[in-house]
């Protein structure tokens, strides 16, 4: 997913402490801030600089490509810090970045897991057979934040990818609209090896969202989650690959854009409104938003998801 309004280092560390696998989402931050966030995670986890760090770092590769030398520096910050994995997404040139990771690993005699996000079975097959990645992240149309508007529902996407994955293929995980342990159980029941949650972690103390934004998420119904280019047009964050838009809470910004509002006028209204005017602000949200109502620490969220998952399977086990 590509939800970036989270304090990345603290969130990643707390997710890992809770029993999950946390990622530092780099979004638009530069190399120096990536380093700082990784140091935050390392400090929380109590590990020295030479130890492998049991978190990953995610990159929007189209952004790395705007200045490739700077992009390489940003990627190398993660690799030089011995993170366990990198997550690569949103680019027509992913093989270039995959090879950079592998070259770095070969030179340093180590192994960094490579996660690649895909919106279709066709892309998954390329990642499996041509790129030979370690983990496929299937992103369904339900996902909050950025994604491809042509993606199928997560259930269909996961089933299609799994049915075309060889026995010795990569790990397949999925995300999009997941909010509860029951959702996780349903996905794993289809054969996925893991689940990715993004929106749920906006409702944590580690999230950089304001209290007003968190209240909007907690009050929202799932039907309020919509896909649109309005969000990026309003704040001027363009440059994403063709076919990528964002999913967030519907408001006047979306309505004006969809009704043909002049872009300059749209941006002016957005800027004047400010972050806490929910009639205009961007609040990323997947379709599972209606199932999350409370702000809880990220570690506690992971543990709660695990307990819900176990309770679901226990209650649905047929005794024979």
Protein backbone atom coordinates (compact mmCIF):
# COMPACT_ATOMS: atom_id res chain seq x y z
CA UNK A 1 0.00 0.00 0.00
CA UNK A 2 1.10 3.52 -0.15
CA UNK A 3 -0.18 5.23 2.96
CA UNK A 4 2.58 7.51 4.24
CA UNK A 5 1.08 9.62 7.08
CA UNK A 6 2.63 7.41 9.76
CA UNK A 7 5.76 7.90 11.89
CA UNK A 8 7.59 5.16 10.00
CA UNK A 9 10.33 4.02 12.37
CA UNK A 10 8.22 3.84 15.51
CA UNK A 11 5.36 2.12 13.71
CA UNK A 12 7.58 -0.51 12.09
CA UNK A 13 9.27 -1.35 15.37
CA UNK A 14 6.03 -1.60 17.34
CA UNK A 15 4.45 -3.85 14.70
CA UNK A 16 7.46 -6.16 14.89
CA UNK A 17 7.34 -6.14 18.70
CA UNK A 18 3.68 -7.14 18.45
CA UNK A 19 4.54 -10.22 16.42
CA UNK A 20 4.10 -8.84 12.91
CA UNK A 21 6.65 -7.60 10.42
CA UNK A 22 6.81 -3.83 10.31
CA UNK A 23 7.78 -1.65 7.36
CA UNK A 24 9.14 1.87 7.25
CA UNK A 25 7.16 3.55 4.47
CA UNK A 26 9.51 6.16 3.02
CA UNK A 27 6.96 8.04 0.93
CA UNK A 28 8.52 11.35 -0.07
CA UNK A 29 11.16 11.63 2.67
CA UNK A 30 14.86 12.06 1.77
CA UNK A 31 17.79 9.79 2.65
CA UNK A 32 18.60 11.63 5.88
CA UNK A 33 15.09 11.15 7.21
CA UNK A 34 15.06 7.49 6.16
CA UNK A 35 18.24 7.03 8.19
CA UNK A 36 16.67 8.79 11.16
CA UNK A 37 13.55 6.62 11.04
CA UNK A 38 15.60 3.43 10.84
CA UNK A 39 17.57 4.59 13.87
CA UNK A 40 14.29 5.14 15.72
CA UNK A 41 13.25 1.57 14.92
CA UNK A 42 16.63 0.16 15.93
CA UNK A 43 16.53 2.04 19.23
CA UNK A 44 13.02 0.79 20.06
CA UNK A 45 14.03 -2.78 19.19
CA UNK A 46 17.22 -2.49 21.24
CA UNK A 47 19.58 -3.68 18.51
CA UNK A 48 23.11 -2.56 17.72
CA UNK A 49 24.02 -1.14 14.27
CA UNK A 50 25.67 -4.38 13.17
CA UNK A 51 22.62 -6.57 13.80
CA UNK A 52 20.07 -7.42 11.14
CA UNK A 53 17.03 -5.24 11.72
CA UNK A 54 13.77 -7.26 11.70
CA UNK A 55 11.81 -4.69 9.74
CA UNK A 56 11.51 -3.73 6.07
CA UNK A 57 11.67 -0.45 4.18
CA UNK A 58 9.20 0.39 1.41
CA UNK A 59 9.97 2.55 -1.63
CA UNK A 60 7.82 4.30 -4.23
CA UNK A 61 10.16 3.51 -7.10
CA UNK A 62 8.71 6.10 -9.49
CA UNK A 63 9.87 8.71 -7.00
CA UNK A 64 13.36 7.22 -6.78
CA UNK A 65 13.57 7.54 -10.57
CA UNK A 66 13.03 11.31 -10.55
CA UNK A 67 16.66 11.63 -9.43
CA UNK A 68 18.26 8.22 -9.81
CA UNK A 69 21.47 9.06 -7.96
CA UNK A 70 19.48 10.33 -5.01
CA UNK A 71 17.18 7.31 -5.36
CA UNK A 72 20.15 4.96 -5.13
CA UNK A 73 21.35 6.75 -2.01
CA UNK A 74 17.95 6.34 -0.41
CA UNK A 75 17.84 2.62 -1.22
CA UNK A 76 21.38 2.16 0.03
CA UNK A 77 20.49 3.76 3.34
CA UNK A 78 18.12 0.86 3.96
CA UNK A 79 20.54 -1.78 2.73
CA UNK A 80 23.50 -0.40 4.68
CA UNK A 81 21.40 -0.57 7.83
CA UNK A 82 20.89 -4.33 7.42
CA UNK A 83 17.10 -4.25 7.17
CA UNK A 84 15.57 -7.66 6.61
CA UNK A 85 13.53 -6.65 3.56
CA UNK A 86 12.70 -3.98 1.02
CA UNK A 87 9.28 -3.43 -0.57
CA UNK A 88 9.36 -2.08 -4.13
CA UNK A 89 6.30 -0.68 -5.90
CA UNK A 90 4.86 1.66 -8.53
CA UNK A 91 7.32 1.65 -11.42
CA UNK A 92 7.75 0.25 -14.90
CA UNK A 93 11.44 -0.20 -14.08
CA UNK A 94 11.35 -2.40 -11.00
CA UNK A 95 14.02 -4.81 -12.35
CA UNK A 96 16.60 -2.02 -12.09
CA UNK A 97 15.94 -1.58 -8.38
CA UNK A 98 15.74 -5.32 -7.77
CA UNK A 99 19.18 -5.72 -9.34
CA UNK A 100 20.59 -2.92 -7.19
CA UNK A 101 19.46 -4.79 -4.08
CA UNK A 102 20.98 -8.04 -5.31
CA UNK A 103 24.26 -6.40 -6.27
CA UNK A 104 24.51 -4.82 -2.83
CA UNK A 105 23.77 -8.17 -1.19
CA UNK A 106 26.38 -9.97 -3.30
CA UNK A 107 29.03 -7.40 -2.43
CA UNK A 108 28.25 -7.71 1.27
CA UNK A 109 27.56 -11.47 1.43
CA UNK A 110 24.05 -11.14 2.80
CA UNK A 111 20.42 -11.64 1.78
CA UNK A 112 17.73 -8.96 1.79
CA UNK A 113 14.21 -10.20 1.10
CA UNK A 114 12.61 -8.48 -1.89
CA UNK A 115 8.87 -7.74 -1.68
CA UNK A 116 7.20 -6.56 -4.89
CA UNK A 117 3.66 -5.16 -4.95
CA UNK A 118 1.44 -6.18 -7.87
CA UNK A 119 -2.12 -5.30 -8.97
CA UNK A 120 -2.67 -8.19 -11.41
CA UNK A 121 -1.88 -11.84 -12.01
CA UNK A 122 0.07 -10.85 -15.13
CA UNK A 123 2.39 -8.64 -13.10
CA UNK A 124 2.70 -11.36 -10.48
CA UNK A 125 3.81 -13.90 -13.07
CA UNK A 126 6.55 -11.57 -14.31
CA UNK A 127 7.73 -11.01 -10.74
CA UNK A 128 7.70 -14.75 -10.08
CA UNK A 129 9.33 -16.09 -13.23
CA UNK A 130 11.46 -13.23 -14.55
CA UNK A 131 12.46 -11.32 -11.43
CA UNK A 132 12.34 -14.27 -9.00
CA UNK A 133 11.38 -12.09 -6.05
CA UNK A 134 10.97 -13.45 -2.54
CA UNK A 135 7.51 -12.11 -1.72
CA UNK A 136 4.56 -11.06 -3.89
CA UNK A 137 2.26 -8.46 -2.33
CA UNK A 138 -1.12 -8.65 -4.07
CA UNK A 139 -2.90 -5.30 -3.77
CA UNK A 140 -6.65 -5.43 -4.26
CA UNK A 141 -8.86 -2.58 -5.45
CA UNK A 142 -10.08 -2.14 -1.85
CA UNK A 143 -6.72 -0.81 -0.61
CA UNK A 144 -6.47 2.63 0.94
CA UNK A 145 -3.89 5.09 -0.27
CA UNK A 146 -2.43 4.65 -3.73
CA UNK A 147 -3.05 1.72 -6.04
CA UNK A 148 -3.96 0.77 -9.59
CA UNK A 149 -7.58 1.49 -10.44
CA UNK A 150 -7.64 -1.60 -12.67
CA UNK A 151 -6.85 -4.01 -9.82
CA UNK A 152 -9.48 -6.69 -9.13
CA UNK A 153 -10.89 -7.35 -5.67
CA UNK A 154 -8.30 -8.86 -3.35
CA UNK A 155 -10.03 -12.23 -3.06
CA UNK A 156 -10.08 -12.74 -6.83
CA UNK A 157 -6.53 -11.45 -7.22
CA UNK A 158 -5.10 -13.74 -4.53
CA UNK A 159 -6.89 -16.79 -5.92
CA UNK A 160 -5.66 -16.08 -9.46
CA UNK A 161 -2.07 -15.55 -8.34
CA UNK A 162 -2.01 -18.63 -6.12
CA UNK A 163 -3.39 -20.86 -8.85
CA UNK A 164 -0.53 -19.77 -11.11
CA UNK A 165 2.29 -19.91 -8.57
CA UNK A 166 4.62 -22.96 -8.71
CA UNK A 167 5.25 -24.98 -5.56
CA UNK A 168 8.75 -23.54 -5.32
CA UNK A 169 7.54 -20.02 -5.98
CA UNK A 170 7.66 -16.97 -3.72
CA UNK A 171 5.59 -16.24 -0.65
CA UNK A 172 2.22 -14.70 -1.57
CA UNK A 173 0.62 -12.15 0.75
CA UNK A 174 -2.21 -9.71 0.16
CA UNK A 175 -3.71 -6.42 1.21
CA UNK A 176 -6.71 -4.25 0.52
CA UNK A 177 -9.70 -3.56 2.75
CA UNK A 178 -8.42 -5.67 5.65
CA UNK A 179 -9.23 -4.44 9.14
CA UNK A 180 -9.90 -7.37 11.48
CA UNK A 181 -8.57 -10.75 12.47
CA UNK A 182 -11.54 -12.28 10.69
CA UNK A 183 -10.45 -10.56 7.49
CA UNK A 184 -6.95 -11.95 7.97
CA UNK A 185 -8.33 -15.43 8.58
CA UNK A 186 -10.38 -15.24 5.40
CA UNK A 187 -7.35 -14.28 3.34
CA UNK A 188 -5.15 -16.98 4.83
CA UNK A 189 -7.97 -19.44 4.30
CA UNK A 190 -7.65 -18.80 0.56
CA UNK A 191 -4.00 -19.86 0.75
CA UNK A 192 -2.18 -16.56 1.25
CA UNK A 193 0.82 -16.73 3.56
CA UNK A 194 0.17 -13.37 5.18
CA UNK A 195 -1.89 -10.20 5.26
CA UNK A 196 -1.03 -6.51 4.88
CA UNK A 197 -2.93 -3.82 6.77
CA UNK A 198 -2.45 -0.10 6.21
CA UNK A 199 -5.47 2.00 7.15
CA UNK A 200 -5.83 0.28 10.51
CA UNK A 201 -2.48 1.69 11.60
CA UNK A 202 -3.56 5.26 10.94
CA UNK A 203 -5.63 4.82 14.11
CA UNK A 204 -2.58 4.46 16.35
CA UNK A 205 -0.49 6.86 18.46
CA UNK A 206 2.34 6.26 15.98
CA UNK A 207 0.28 7.75 13.18
CA UNK A 208 1.03 11.32 12.17
CA UNK A 209 -2.66 11.93 11.48
CA UNK A 210 -4.22 14.67 13.59
CA UNK A 211 -6.87 13.84 16.16
CA UNK A 212 -9.45 15.27 13.76
CA UNK A 213 -8.34 12.95 10.98
CA UNK A 214 -8.38 9.97 13.33
CA UNK A 215 -11.88 10.89 14.45
CA UNK A 216 -12.96 11.01 10.81
CA UNK A 217 -11.60 7.51 10.26
CA UNK A 218 -13.24 6.16 13.39
CA UNK A 219 -16.61 7.65 12.40
CA UNK A 220 -16.50 6.59 8.75
CA UNK A 221 -18.54 3.86 7.14
CA UNK A 222 -16.92 1.65 4.53
CA UNK A 223 -19.05 3.29 1.83
CA UNK A 224 -17.18 6.57 2.46
CA UNK A 225 -14.00 5.08 0.97
CA UNK A 226 -13.67 6.10 -2.70
CA UNK A 227 -11.04 6.04 -5.44
CA UNK A 228 -10.16 9.31 -7.17
CA UNK A 229 -7.38 11.44 -8.61
CA UNK A 230 -8.82 14.32 -6.59
CA UNK A 231 -6.44 13.75 -3.71
CA UNK A 232 -3.24 14.05 -5.75
CA UNK A 233 -4.59 16.85 -7.91
CA UNK A 234 -5.55 18.87 -4.84
CA UNK A 235 -2.16 18.62 -3.15
CA UNK A 236 -0.09 18.52 -6.35
CA UNK A 237 1.54 15.13 -5.76
CA UNK A 238 1.54 13.98 -9.37
CA UNK A 239 3.98 11.73 -11.20
CA UNK A 240 2.52 8.36 -10.30
CA UNK A 241 2.45 5.70 -13.06
CA UNK A 242 -0.52 5.73 -15.41
CA UNK A 243 -3.51 3.99 -13.86
CA UNK A 244 -2.63 4.82 -10.26
CA UNK A 245 -5.02 6.87 -8.14
CA UNK A 246 -5.81 7.10 -4.43
CA UNK A 247 -8.49 5.76 -2.11
CA UNK A 248 -9.63 7.94 0.77
CA UNK A 249 -12.67 9.36 2.50
CA UNK A 250 -15.07 11.12 0.17
CA UNK A 251 -15.53 14.83 0.79
CA UNK A 252 -15.97 18.16 -1.02
CA UNK A 253 -12.51 17.90 -2.58
CA UNK A 254 -13.55 14.69 -4.32
CA UNK A 255 -16.99 16.00 -5.26
CA UNK A 256 -15.58 19.19 -6.79
CA UNK A 257 -12.96 17.31 -8.76
CA UNK A 258 -15.41 14.74 -10.09
CA UNK A 259 -17.77 17.59 -11.06
CA UNK A 260 -15.09 19.24 -13.18
CA UNK A 261 -13.80 21.95 -10.83
CA UNK A 262 -10.84 23.89 -12.25
CA UNK A 263 -7.66 22.33 -10.80
CA UNK A 264 -6.21 25.65 -9.66
CA UNK A 265 -9.44 26.47 -7.86
CA UNK A 266 -9.49 22.98 -6.34
CA UNK A 267 -5.94 23.41 -5.03
CA UNK A 268 -6.68 26.84 -3.65
CA UNK A 269 -9.68 25.54 -1.70
CA UNK A 270 -7.62 22.60 -0.43
CA UNK A 271 -4.77 24.80 0.76
CA UNK A 272 -7.06 27.34 2.40
CA UNK A 273 -9.02 24.67 4.24
CA UNK A 274 -6.09 23.26 6.20
CA UNK A 275 -5.37 19.81 7.52
CA UNK A 276 -8.23 19.58 9.98
CA UNK A 277 -11.07 20.74 7.75
CA UNK A 278 -12.56 17.34 6.98
CA UNK A 279 -14.66 18.79 4.16
CA UNK A 280 -11.40 19.24 2.21
CA UNK A 281 -8.59 17.29 3.88
CA UNK A 282 -7.12 14.04 2.58
CA UNK A 283 -7.80 11.05 4.80
CA UNK A 284 -6.56 7.84 3.21
CA UNK A 285 -8.84 4.89 3.89
CA UNK A 286 -9.42 1.43 2.47
CA UNK A 287 -12.82 -0.20 2.33
CA UNK A 288 -12.30 -1.82 5.73
CA UNK A 289 -12.48 1.57 7.43
CA UNK A 290 -15.97 0.92 8.76
CA UNK A 291 -14.60 -1.90 10.92
CA UNK A 292 -12.12 0.21 12.93
CA UNK A 293 -13.33 2.51 15.67
CA UNK A 294 -10.61 2.91 18.31
CA UNK A 295 -7.13 4.41 18.55
CA UNK A 296 -4.75 1.81 19.99
CA UNK A 297 -0.95 1.38 20.07
CA UNK A 298 0.38 -0.41 16.99
CA UNK A 299 1.77 -3.29 19.04
CA UNK A 300 -1.64 -3.81 20.64
CA UNK A 301 -3.35 -3.70 17.23
CA UNK A 302 -1.17 -6.56 15.97
CA UNK A 303 -1.83 -8.62 19.08
CA UNK A 304 -5.56 -7.95 18.83
CA UNK A 305 -5.59 -9.04 15.19
CA UNK A 306 -3.86 -12.27 16.21
CA UNK A 307 -6.38 -12.96 18.95
CA UNK A 308 -9.30 -12.24 16.61
CA UNK A 309 -7.75 -14.56 14.03
CA UNK A 310 -7.43 -17.39 16.56
CA UNK A 311 -10.94 -16.83 17.89
CA UNK A 312 -12.36 -16.91 14.37
CA UNK A 313 -10.77 -20.25 13.54
CA UNK A 314 -11.67 -21.72 16.91
CA UNK A 315 -15.32 -20.77 16.49
CA UNK A 316 -15.44 -22.05 12.92
CA UNK A 317 -13.66 -25.37 13.43
CA UNK A 318 -15.95 -28.32 12.80
CA UNK A 319 -15.43 -31.13 15.29
CA UNK A 320 -15.47 -34.57 13.65
